[in-house]
PDB file of N, CA and C in Angstrom:
ATOM      1  N   UNK A   1      -1.240  30.621  -8.651  1.00  0.00           N
ATOM      2  CA  UNK A   1      -1.452  29.477  -7.789  1.00  0.00           C
ATOM      3  C   UNK A   1      -1.818  28.262  -8.645  1.00  0.00           C
ATOM      4  N   UNK A   2      -1.289  27.135  -8.281  1.00  0.00           N
ATOM      5  CA  UNK A   2      -1.550  25.906  -9.022  1.00  0.00           C
ATOM      6  C   UNK A   2      -3.000  25.478  -8.850  1.00  0.00           C
ATOM      7  N   UNK A   3      -3.528  24.838  -9.876  1.00  0.00           N
ATOM      8  CA  UNK A   3      -4.889  24.322  -9.806  1.00  0.00           C
ATOM      9  C   UNK A   3      -4.964  23.252  -8.724  1.00  0.00           C
ATOM     10  N   UNK A   4      -6.025  23.251  -7.970  1.00  0.00           N
ATOM     11  CA  UNK A   4      -6.215  22.278  -6.894  1.00  0.00           C
ATOM     12  C   UNK A   4      -7.244  21.246  -7.310  1.00  0.00           C
ATOM     13  N   UNK A   5      -7.040  20.015  -6.891  1.00  0.00           N
ATOM     14  CA  UNK A   5      -7.997  18.935  -7.106  1.00  0.00           C
ATOM     15  C   UNK A   5      -8.176  18.194  -5.790  1.00  0.00           C
ATOM     16  N   UNK A   6      -9.196  17.394  -5.728  1.00  0.00           N
ATOM     17  CA  UNK A   6      -9.461  16.605  -4.529  1.00  0.00           C
ATOM     18  C   UNK A   6      -9.068  15.158  -4.790  1.00  0.00           C
ATOM     19  N   UNK A   7      -8.335  14.590  -3.857  1.00  0.00           N
ATOM     20  CA  UNK A   7      -7.980  13.173  -3.917  1.00  0.00           C
ATOM     21  C   UNK A   7      -8.693  12.504  -2.752  1.00  0.00           C
ATOM     22  N   UNK A   8      -9.511  11.525  -3.060  1.00  0.00           N
ATOM     23  CA  UNK A   8     -10.231  10.818  -1.997  1.00  0.00           C
ATOM     24  C   UNK A   8      -9.423   9.595  -1.581  1.00  0.00           C
ATOM     25  N   UNK A   9      -9.133   9.532  -0.284  1.00  0.00           N
ATOM     26  CA  UNK A   9      -8.413   8.390   0.271  1.00  0.00           C
ATOM     27  C   UNK A   9      -9.141   7.961   1.537  1.00  0.00           C
ATOM     28  N   UNK A  10      -8.979   6.706   1.913  1.00  0.00           N
ATOM     29  CA  UNK A  10      -9.590   6.261   3.168  1.00  0.00           C
ATOM     30  C   UNK A  10      -8.977   7.012   4.354  1.00  0.00           C
ATOM     31  N   UNK A  11      -9.753   7.141   5.401  1.00  0.00           N
ATOM     32  CA  UNK A  11      -9.280   7.826   6.616  1.00  0.00           C
ATOM     33  C   UNK A  11      -7.987   7.188   7.129  1.00  0.00           C
ATOM     34  N   UNK A  12      -7.891   5.859   6.994  1.00  0.00           N
ATOM     35  CA  UNK A  12      -6.687   5.164   7.496  1.00  0.00           C
ATOM     36  C   UNK A  12      -5.437   5.577   6.716  1.00  0.00           C
ATOM     37  N   UNK A  13      -5.604   6.150   5.534  1.00  0.00           N
ATOM     38  CA  UNK A  13      -4.467   6.688   4.782  1.00  0.00           C
ATOM     39  C   UNK A  13      -4.290   8.175   5.076  1.00  0.00           C
ATOM     40  N   UNK A  14      -5.404   8.887   5.196  1.00  0.00           N
ATOM     41  CA  UNK A  14      -5.340  10.330   5.410  1.00  0.00           C
ATOM     42  C   UNK A  14      -4.731  10.690   6.753  1.00  0.00           C
ATOM     43  N   UNK A  15      -5.127  10.013   7.804  1.00  0.00           N
ATOM     44  CA  UNK A  15      -4.661  10.379   9.144  1.00  0.00           C
ATOM     45  C   UNK A  15      -3.142  10.264   9.293  1.00  0.00           C
ATOM     46  N   UNK A  16      -2.525   9.171   8.855  1.00  0.00           N
ATOM     47  CA  UNK A  16      -1.057   9.118   8.948  1.00  0.00           C
ATOM     48  C   UNK A  16      -0.373  10.181   8.070  1.00  0.00           C
ATOM     49  N   UNK A  17      -0.946  10.452   6.903  1.00  0.00           N
ATOM     50  CA  UNK A  17      -0.379  11.505   6.054  1.00  0.00           C
ATOM     51  C   UNK A  17      -0.452  12.862   6.756  1.00  0.00           C
ATOM     52  N   UNK A  18      -1.579  13.120   7.401  1.00  0.00           N
ATOM     53  CA  UNK A  18      -1.734  14.378   8.127  1.00  0.00           C
ATOM     54  C   UNK A  18      -0.729  14.488   9.267  1.00  0.00           C
ATOM     55  N   UNK A  19      -0.492  13.383   9.949  1.00  0.00           N
ATOM     56  CA  UNK A  19       0.481  13.378  11.057  1.00  0.00           C
ATOM     57  C   UNK A  19       1.895  13.664  10.534  1.00  0.00           C
ATOM     58  N   UNK A  20       2.280  12.969   9.467  1.00  0.00           N
ATOM     59  CA  UNK A  20       3.617  13.179   8.892  1.00  0.00           C
ATOM     60  C   UNK A  20       3.758  14.620   8.406  1.00  0.00           C
ATOM     61  N   UNK A  21       2.739  15.115   7.727  1.00  0.00           N
ATOM     62  CA  UNK A  21       2.775  16.490   7.232  1.00  0.00           C
ATOM     63  C   UNK A  21       2.963  17.470   8.389  1.00  0.00           C
ATOM     64  N   UNK A  22       2.196  17.281   9.446  1.00  0.00           N
ATOM     65  CA  UNK A  22       2.299  18.172  10.611  1.00  0.00           C
ATOM     66  C   UNK A  22       3.702  18.120  11.204  1.00  0.00           C
ATOM     67  N   UNK A  23       4.260  16.924  11.346  1.00  0.00           N
ATOM     68  CA  UNK A  23       5.609  16.785  11.909  1.00  0.00           C
ATOM     69  C   UNK A  23       6.664  17.479  11.057  1.00  0.00           C
ATOM     70  N   UNK A  24       6.417  17.550   9.755  1.00  0.00           N
ATOM     71  CA  UNK A  24       7.369  18.190   8.843  1.00  0.00           C
ATOM     72  C   UNK A  24       7.051  19.658   8.581  1.00  0.00           C
ATOM     73  N   UNK A  25       5.999  20.147   9.201  1.00  0.00           N
ATOM     74  CA  UNK A  25       5.622  21.547   9.008  1.00  0.00           C
ATOM     75  C   UNK A  25       5.035  21.816   7.633  1.00  0.00           C
ATOM     76  N   UNK A  26       4.356  20.823   7.075  1.00  0.00           N
ATOM     77  CA  UNK A  26       3.765  20.929   5.748  1.00  0.00           C
ATOM     78  C   UNK A  26       2.269  20.738   5.825  1.00  0.00           C
ATOM     79  N   UNK A  27       1.588  21.131   4.766  1.00  0.00           N
ATOM     80  CA  UNK A  27       0.193  20.751   4.623  1.00  0.00           C
ATOM     81  C   UNK A  27       0.169  19.356   4.017  1.00  0.00           C
ATOM     82  N   UNK A  28      -0.982  18.690   4.082  1.00  0.00           N
ATOM     83  CA  UNK A  28      -1.097  17.372   3.455  1.00  0.00           C
ATOM     84  C   UNK A  28      -0.851  17.503   1.954  1.00  0.00           C
ATOM     85  N   UNK A  29      -1.360  18.554   1.350  1.00  0.00           N
ATOM     86  CA  UNK A  29      -1.144  18.774  -0.082  1.00  0.00           C
ATOM     87  C   UNK A  29       0.335  18.914  -0.426  1.00  0.00           C
ATOM     88  N   UNK A  30       1.075  19.651   0.382  1.00  0.00           N
ATOM     89  CA  UNK A  30       2.515  19.804   0.156  1.00  0.00           C
ATOM     90  C   UNK A  30       3.239  18.468   0.312  1.00  0.00           C
ATOM     91  N   UNK A  31       2.820  17.679   1.310  1.00  0.00           N
ATOM     92  CA  UNK A  31       3.429  16.364   1.511  1.00  0.00           C
ATOM     93  C   UNK A  31       3.165  15.459   0.313  1.00  0.00           C
ATOM     94  N   UNK A  32       1.923  15.438  -0.148  1.00  0.00           N
ATOM     95  CA  UNK A  32       1.588  14.611  -1.310  1.00  0.00           C
ATOM     96  C   UNK A  32       2.381  15.061  -2.529  1.00  0.00           C
ATOM     97  N   UNK A  33       2.518  16.359  -2.721  1.00  0.00           N
ATOM     98  CA  UNK A  33       3.307  16.876  -3.845  1.00  0.00           C
ATOM     99  C   UNK A  33       4.765  16.434  -3.729  1.00  0.00           C
ATOM    100  N   UNK A  34       5.301  16.502  -2.527  1.00  0.00           N
ATOM    101  CA  UNK A  34       6.682  16.070  -2.276  1.00  0.00           C
ATOM    102  C   UNK A  34       6.851  14.579  -2.580  1.00  0.00           C
ATOM    103  N   UNK A  35       5.922  13.770  -2.081  1.00  0.00           N
ATOM    104  CA  UNK A  35       5.980  12.322  -2.319  1.00  0.00           C
ATOM    105  C   UNK A  35       5.858  12.007  -3.806  1.00  0.00           C
ATOM    106  N   UNK A  36       4.951  12.694  -4.488  1.00  0.00           N
ATOM    107  CA  UNK A  36       4.748  12.450  -5.918  1.00  0.00           C
ATOM    108  C   UNK A  36       5.995  12.810  -6.727  1.00  0.00           C
ATOM    109  N   UNK A  37       6.687  13.864  -6.327  1.00  0.00           N
ATOM    110  CA  UNK A  37       7.883  14.279  -7.079  1.00  0.00           C
ATOM    111  C   UNK A  37       9.026  13.284  -6.937  1.00  0.00           C
ATOM    112  N   UNK A  38       8.969  12.446  -5.891  1.00  0.00           N
ATOM    113  CA  UNK A  38      10.023  11.457  -5.660  1.00  0.00           C
ATOM    114  C   UNK A  38       9.784  10.148  -6.409  1.00  0.00           C
ATOM    115  N   UNK A  39       8.615   9.989  -6.981  1.00  0.00           N
ATOM    116  CA  UNK A  39       8.277   8.747  -7.677  1.00  0.00           C
ATOM    117  C   UNK A  39       8.604   8.878  -9.161  1.00  0.00           C
ATOM    118  N   UNK A  40       9.055   7.802  -9.765  1.00  0.00           N
ATOM    119  CA  UNK A  40       9.392   7.787 -11.184  1.00  0.00           C
ATOM    120  C   UNK A  40       8.372   6.950 -11.947  1.00  0.00           C
ATOM    121  N   UNK A  41       8.066   7.397 -13.149  1.00  0.00           N
ATOM    122  CA  UNK A  41       7.169   6.630 -14.010  1.00  0.00           C
ATOM    123  C   UNK A  41       7.938   5.461 -14.611  1.00  0.00           C
ATOM    124  N   UNK A  42       7.227   4.508 -15.167  1.00  0.00           N
ATOM    125  CA  UNK A  42       7.880   3.370 -15.817  1.00  0.00           C
ATOM    126  C   UNK A  42       8.790   3.846 -16.945  1.00  0.00           C
ATOM    127  N   UNK A  43       8.360   4.853 -17.680  1.00  0.00           N
ATOM    128  CA  UNK A  43       9.175   5.387 -18.783  1.00  0.00           C
ATOM    129  C   UNK A  43      10.459   6.025 -18.253  1.00  0.00           C
ATOM    130  N   UNK A  44      10.371   6.750 -17.153  1.00  0.00           N
ATOM    131  CA  UNK A  44      11.564   7.365 -16.571  1.00  0.00           C
ATOM    132  C   UNK A  44      12.535   6.306 -16.058  1.00  0.00           C
ATOM    133  N   UNK A  45      11.996   5.261 -15.453  1.00  0.00           N
ATOM    134  CA  UNK A  45      12.849   4.174 -14.964  1.00  0.00           C
ATOM    135  C   UNK A  45      13.538   3.482 -16.135  1.00  0.00           C
ATOM    136  N   UNK A  46      12.796   3.201 -17.188  1.00  0.00           N
ATOM    137  CA  UNK A  46      13.374   2.541 -18.365  1.00  0.00           C
ATOM    138  C   UNK A  46      14.463   3.401 -18.992  1.00  0.00           C
ATOM    139  N   UNK A  47      14.237   4.700 -19.040  1.00  0.00           N
ATOM    140  CA  UNK A  47      15.239   5.622 -19.598  1.00  0.00           C
ATOM    141  C   UNK A  47      16.520   5.594 -18.762  1.00  0.00           C
ATOM    142  N   UNK A  48      16.371   5.585 -17.442  1.00  0.00           N
ATOM    143  CA  UNK A  48      17.540   5.550 -16.555  1.00  0.00           C
ATOM    144  C   UNK A  48      18.287   4.223 -16.687  1.00  0.00           C
ATOM    145  N   UNK A  49      17.552   3.109 -16.752  1.00  0.00           N
ATOM    146  CA  UNK A  49      18.184   1.799 -16.913  1.00  0.00           C
ATOM    147  C   UNK A  49      18.976   1.752 -18.217  1.00  0.00           C
ATOM    148  N   UNK A  50      18.386   2.260 -19.291  1.00  0.00           N
ATOM    149  CA  UNK A  50      19.074   2.267 -20.588  1.00  0.00           C
ATOM    150  C   UNK A  50      20.352   3.102 -20.525  1.00  0.00           C
ATOM    151  N   UNK A  51      20.275   4.256 -19.880  1.00  0.00           N
ATOM    152  CA  UNK A  51      21.452   5.121 -19.764  1.00  0.00           C
ATOM    153  C   UNK A  51      22.543   4.464 -18.929  1.00  0.00           C
ATOM    154  N   UNK A  52      22.152   3.800 -17.841  1.00  0.00           N
ATOM    155  CA  UNK A  52      23.144   3.132 -16.990  1.00  0.00           C
ATOM    156  C   UNK A  52      23.781   1.952 -17.709  1.00  0.00           C
ATOM    157  N   UNK A  53      22.989   1.230 -18.482  1.00  0.00           N
ATOM    158  CA  UNK A  53      23.557   0.112 -19.237  1.00  0.00           C
ATOM    159  C   UNK A  53      24.511   0.607 -20.310  1.00  0.00           C
ATOM    160  N   UNK A  54      24.151   1.705 -20.955  1.00  0.00           N
ATOM    161  CA  UNK A  54      25.034   2.284 -21.976  1.00  0.00           C
ATOM    162  C   UNK A  54      26.367   2.702 -21.351  1.00  0.00           C
ATOM    163  N   UNK A  55      26.294   3.350 -20.189  1.00  0.00           N
ATOM    164  CA  UNK A  55      27.513   3.776 -19.498  1.00  0.00           C
ATOM    165  C   UNK A  55      28.360   2.573 -19.106  1.00  0.00           C
ATOM    166  N   UNK A  56      27.729   1.517 -18.614  1.00  0.00           N
ATOM    167  CA  UNK A  56      28.473   0.313 -18.226  1.00  0.00           C
ATOM    168  C   UNK A  56      29.147  -0.303 -19.441  1.00  0.00           C
ATOM    169  N   UNK A  57      28.444  -0.349 -20.555  1.00  0.00           N
ATOM    170  CA  UNK A  57      29.033  -0.905 -21.786  1.00  0.00           C
ATOM    171  C   UNK A  57      30.250  -0.092 -22.228  1.00  0.00           C
ATOM    172  N   UNK A  58      30.149   1.231 -22.107  1.00  0.00           N
ATOM    173  CA  UNK A  58      31.268   2.095 -22.500  1.00  0.00           C
ATOM    174  C   UNK A  58      32.464   1.905 -21.585  1.00  0.00           C
ATOM    175  N   UNK A  59      32.215   1.740 -20.291  1.00  0.00           N
ATOM    176  CA  UNK A  59      33.298   1.600 -19.317  1.00  0.00           C
ATOM    177  C   UNK A  59      34.071   0.304 -19.533  1.00  0.00           C
ATOM    178  N   UNK A  60      33.358  -0.798 -19.763  1.00  0.00           N
ATOM    179  CA  UNK A  60      34.065  -2.069 -19.905  1.00  0.00           C
ATOM    180  C   UNK A  60      34.486  -2.344 -21.337  1.00  0.00           C
ATOM    181  N   UNK A  61      34.031  -1.514 -22.255  1.00  0.00           N
ATOM    182  CA  UNK A  61      34.442  -1.681 -23.645  1.00  0.00           C
ATOM    183  C   UNK A  61      33.892  -2.926 -24.303  1.00  0.00           C
ATOM    184  N   UNK A  62      32.768  -3.399 -23.838  1.00  0.00           N
ATOM    185  CA  UNK A  62      32.178  -4.600 -24.409  1.00  0.00           C
ATOM    186  C   UNK A  62      30.728  -4.373 -24.771  1.00  0.00           C
ATOM    187  N   UNK A  63      30.188  -5.328 -25.481  1.00  0.00           N
ATOM    188  CA  UNK A  63      28.794  -5.238 -25.874  1.00  0.00           C
ATOM    189  C   UNK A  63      27.992  -6.259 -25.089  1.00  0.00           C
ATOM    190  N   UNK A  64      27.594  -5.880 -23.880  1.00  0.00           N
ATOM    191  CA  UNK A  64      26.802  -6.759 -23.045  1.00  0.00           C
ATOM    192  C   UNK A  64      25.340  -6.586 -23.444  1.00  0.00           C
ATOM    193  N   UNK A  65      24.690  -7.678 -23.729  1.00  0.00           N
ATOM    194  CA  UNK A  65      23.295  -7.606 -24.165  1.00  0.00           C
ATOM    195  C   UNK A  65      22.380  -7.302 -22.983  1.00  0.00           C
ATOM    196  N   UNK A  66      21.190  -6.837 -23.298  1.00  0.00           N
ATOM    197  CA  UNK A  66      20.205  -6.611 -22.252  1.00  0.00           C
ATOM    198  C   UNK A  66      19.880  -7.917 -21.530  1.00  0.00           C
ATOM    199  N   UNK A  67      19.895  -9.024 -22.266  1.00  0.00           N
ATOM    200  CA  UNK A  67      19.629 -10.327 -21.650  1.00  0.00           C
ATOM    201  C   UNK A  67      20.686 -10.658 -20.602  1.00  0.00           C
ATOM    202  N   UNK A  68      21.939 -10.325 -20.892  1.00  0.00           N
ATOM    203  CA  UNK A  68      23.011 -10.568 -19.916  1.00  0.00           C
ATOM    204  C   UNK A  68      22.812  -9.699 -18.674  1.00  0.00           C
ATOM    205  N   UNK A  69      22.394  -8.454 -18.879  1.00  0.00           N
ATOM    206  CA  UNK A  69      22.101  -7.597 -17.734  1.00  0.00           C
ATOM    207  C   UNK A  69      20.965  -8.187 -16.911  1.00  0.00           C
ATOM    208  N   UNK A  70      19.934  -8.711 -17.580  1.00  0.00           N
ATOM    209  CA  UNK A  70      18.784  -9.288 -16.875  1.00  0.00           C
ATOM    210  C   UNK A  70      19.180 -10.540 -16.097  1.00  0.00           C
ATOM    211  N   UNK A  71      20.079 -11.340 -16.659  1.00  0.00           N
ATOM    212  CA  UNK A  71      20.543 -12.549 -15.978  1.00  0.00           C
ATOM    213  C   UNK A  71      21.387 -12.216 -14.762  1.00  0.00           C
ATOM    214  N   UNK A  72      21.915 -11.031 -14.722  1.00  0.00           N
ATOM    215  CA  UNK A  72      22.827 -10.619 -13.673  1.00  0.00           C
ATOM    216  C   UNK A  72      22.218  -9.444 -12.923  1.00  0.00           C
ATOM    217  N   UNK A  73      21.275  -9.705 -12.007  1.00  0.00           N
ATOM    218  CA  UNK A  73      20.573  -8.608 -11.347  1.00  0.00           C
ATOM    219  C   UNK A  73      21.492  -7.666 -10.573  1.00  0.00           C
ATOM    220  N   UNK A  74      22.556  -8.167  -9.994  1.00  0.00           N
ATOM    221  CA  UNK A  74      23.494  -7.307  -9.275  1.00  0.00           C
ATOM    222  C   UNK A  74      24.696  -7.060 -10.172  1.00  0.00           C
ATOM    223  N   UNK A  75      24.485  -6.243 -11.186  1.00  0.00           N
ATOM    224  CA  UNK A  75      25.494  -6.022 -12.221  1.00  0.00           C
ATOM    225  C   UNK A  75      26.790  -5.475 -11.643  1.00  0.00           C
ATOM    226  N   UNK A  76      26.713  -4.601 -10.666  1.00  0.00           N
ATOM    227  CA  UNK A  76      27.941  -4.021 -10.124  1.00  0.00           C
ATOM    228  C   UNK A  76      28.852  -5.092  -9.537  1.00  0.00           C
ATOM    229  N   UNK A  77      28.256  -6.089  -8.899  1.00  0.00           N
ATOM    230  CA  UNK A  77      29.056  -7.155  -8.310  1.00  0.00           C
ATOM    231  C   UNK A  77      29.619  -8.060  -9.403  1.00  0.00           C
ATOM    232  N   UNK A  78      28.831  -8.300 -10.435  1.00  0.00           N
ATOM    233  CA  UNK A  78      29.218  -9.269 -11.462  1.00  0.00           C
ATOM    234  C   UNK A  78      29.796  -8.656 -12.737  1.00  0.00           C
ATOM    235  N   UNK A  79      29.915  -7.338 -12.801  1.00  0.00           N
ATOM    236  CA  UNK A  79      30.389  -6.688 -14.015  1.00  0.00           C
ATOM    237  C   UNK A  79      31.796  -7.135 -14.407  1.00  0.00           C
ATOM    238  N   UNK A  80      32.664  -7.325 -13.435  1.00  0.00           N
ATOM    239  CA  UNK A  80      34.022  -7.751 -13.740  1.00  0.00           C
ATOM    240  C   UNK A  80      34.051  -9.136 -14.389  1.00  0.00           C
ATOM    241  N   UNK A  81      33.237 -10.042 -13.907  1.00  0.00           N
ATOM    242  CA  UNK A  81      33.229 -11.377 -14.510  1.00  0.00           C
ATOM    243  C   UNK A  81      32.636 -11.337 -15.915  1.00  0.00           C
ATOM    244  N   UNK A  82      31.622 -10.515 -16.131  1.00  0.00           N
ATOM    245  CA  UNK A  82      31.072 -10.369 -17.479  1.00  0.00           C
ATOM    246  C   UNK A  82      32.117  -9.803 -18.435  1.00  0.00           C
ATOM    247  N   UNK A  83      32.866  -8.794 -17.963  1.00  0.00           N
ATOM    248  CA  UNK A  83      33.910  -8.189 -18.795  1.00  0.00           C
ATOM    249  C   UNK A  83      35.004  -9.202 -19.096  1.00  0.00           C
ATOM    250  N   UNK A  84      35.382 -10.009 -18.112  1.00  0.00           N
ATOM    251  CA  UNK A  84      36.425 -11.020 -18.314  1.00  0.00           C
ATOM    252  C   UNK A  84      35.970 -12.045 -19.343  1.00  0.00           C
ATOM    253  N   UNK A  85      34.712 -12.461 -19.263  1.00  0.00           N
ATOM    254  CA  UNK A  85      34.190 -13.418 -20.247  1.00  0.00           C
ATOM    255  C   UNK A  85      34.247 -12.829 -21.645  1.00  0.00           C
ATOM    256  N   UNK A  86      33.889 -11.566 -21.779  1.00  0.00           N
ATOM    257  CA  UNK A  86      33.911 -10.913 -23.093  1.00  0.00           C
ATOM    258  C   UNK A  86      35.329 -10.815 -23.639  1.00  0.00           C
ATOM    259  N   UNK A  87      36.274 -10.495 -22.768  1.00  0.00           N
ATOM    260  CA  UNK A  87      37.669 -10.365 -23.217  1.00  0.00           C
ATOM    261  C   UNK A  87      38.236 -11.701 -23.668  1.00  0.00           C
ATOM    262  N   UNK A  88      37.830 -12.777 -22.979  1.00  0.00           N
ATOM    263  CA  UNK A  88      38.292 -14.132 -23.363  1.00  0.00           C
ATOM    264  C   UNK A  88      37.764 -14.515 -24.735  1.00  0.00           C
ATOM    265  N   UNK A  89      36.572 -14.024 -25.078  1.00  0.00           N
ATOM    266  CA  UNK A  89      35.960 -14.354 -26.362  1.00  0.00           C
ATOM    267  C   UNK A  89      36.618 -13.612 -27.512  1.00  0.00           C
ATOM    268  N   UNK A  90      37.297 -12.518 -27.229  1.00  0.00           N
ATOM    269  CA  UNK A  90      37.898 -11.688 -28.283  1.00  0.00           C
ATOM    270  C   UNK A  90      39.231 -12.189 -28.703  1.00  0.00           C
TER     271      UNK A  90
END
């Protein structure tokens, strides 16, 4: 059995968690474990962003800088224009 610890939360947080857990047929502890497993750390997010940028660079065959990715928050929409700009420069 996994080690148990106590997490202190205000009643206004505990009561809704208990309701959701009950509706899902879980204990509050199981619900919290489920919620925690769905969250990513900053390091995990950074790793995923780096991997996605690497894949995008490989697909378009260009060297898009991280700054260009940052300037273009919706990369999927703007990836074609970035690739076209790179091809014009070559």
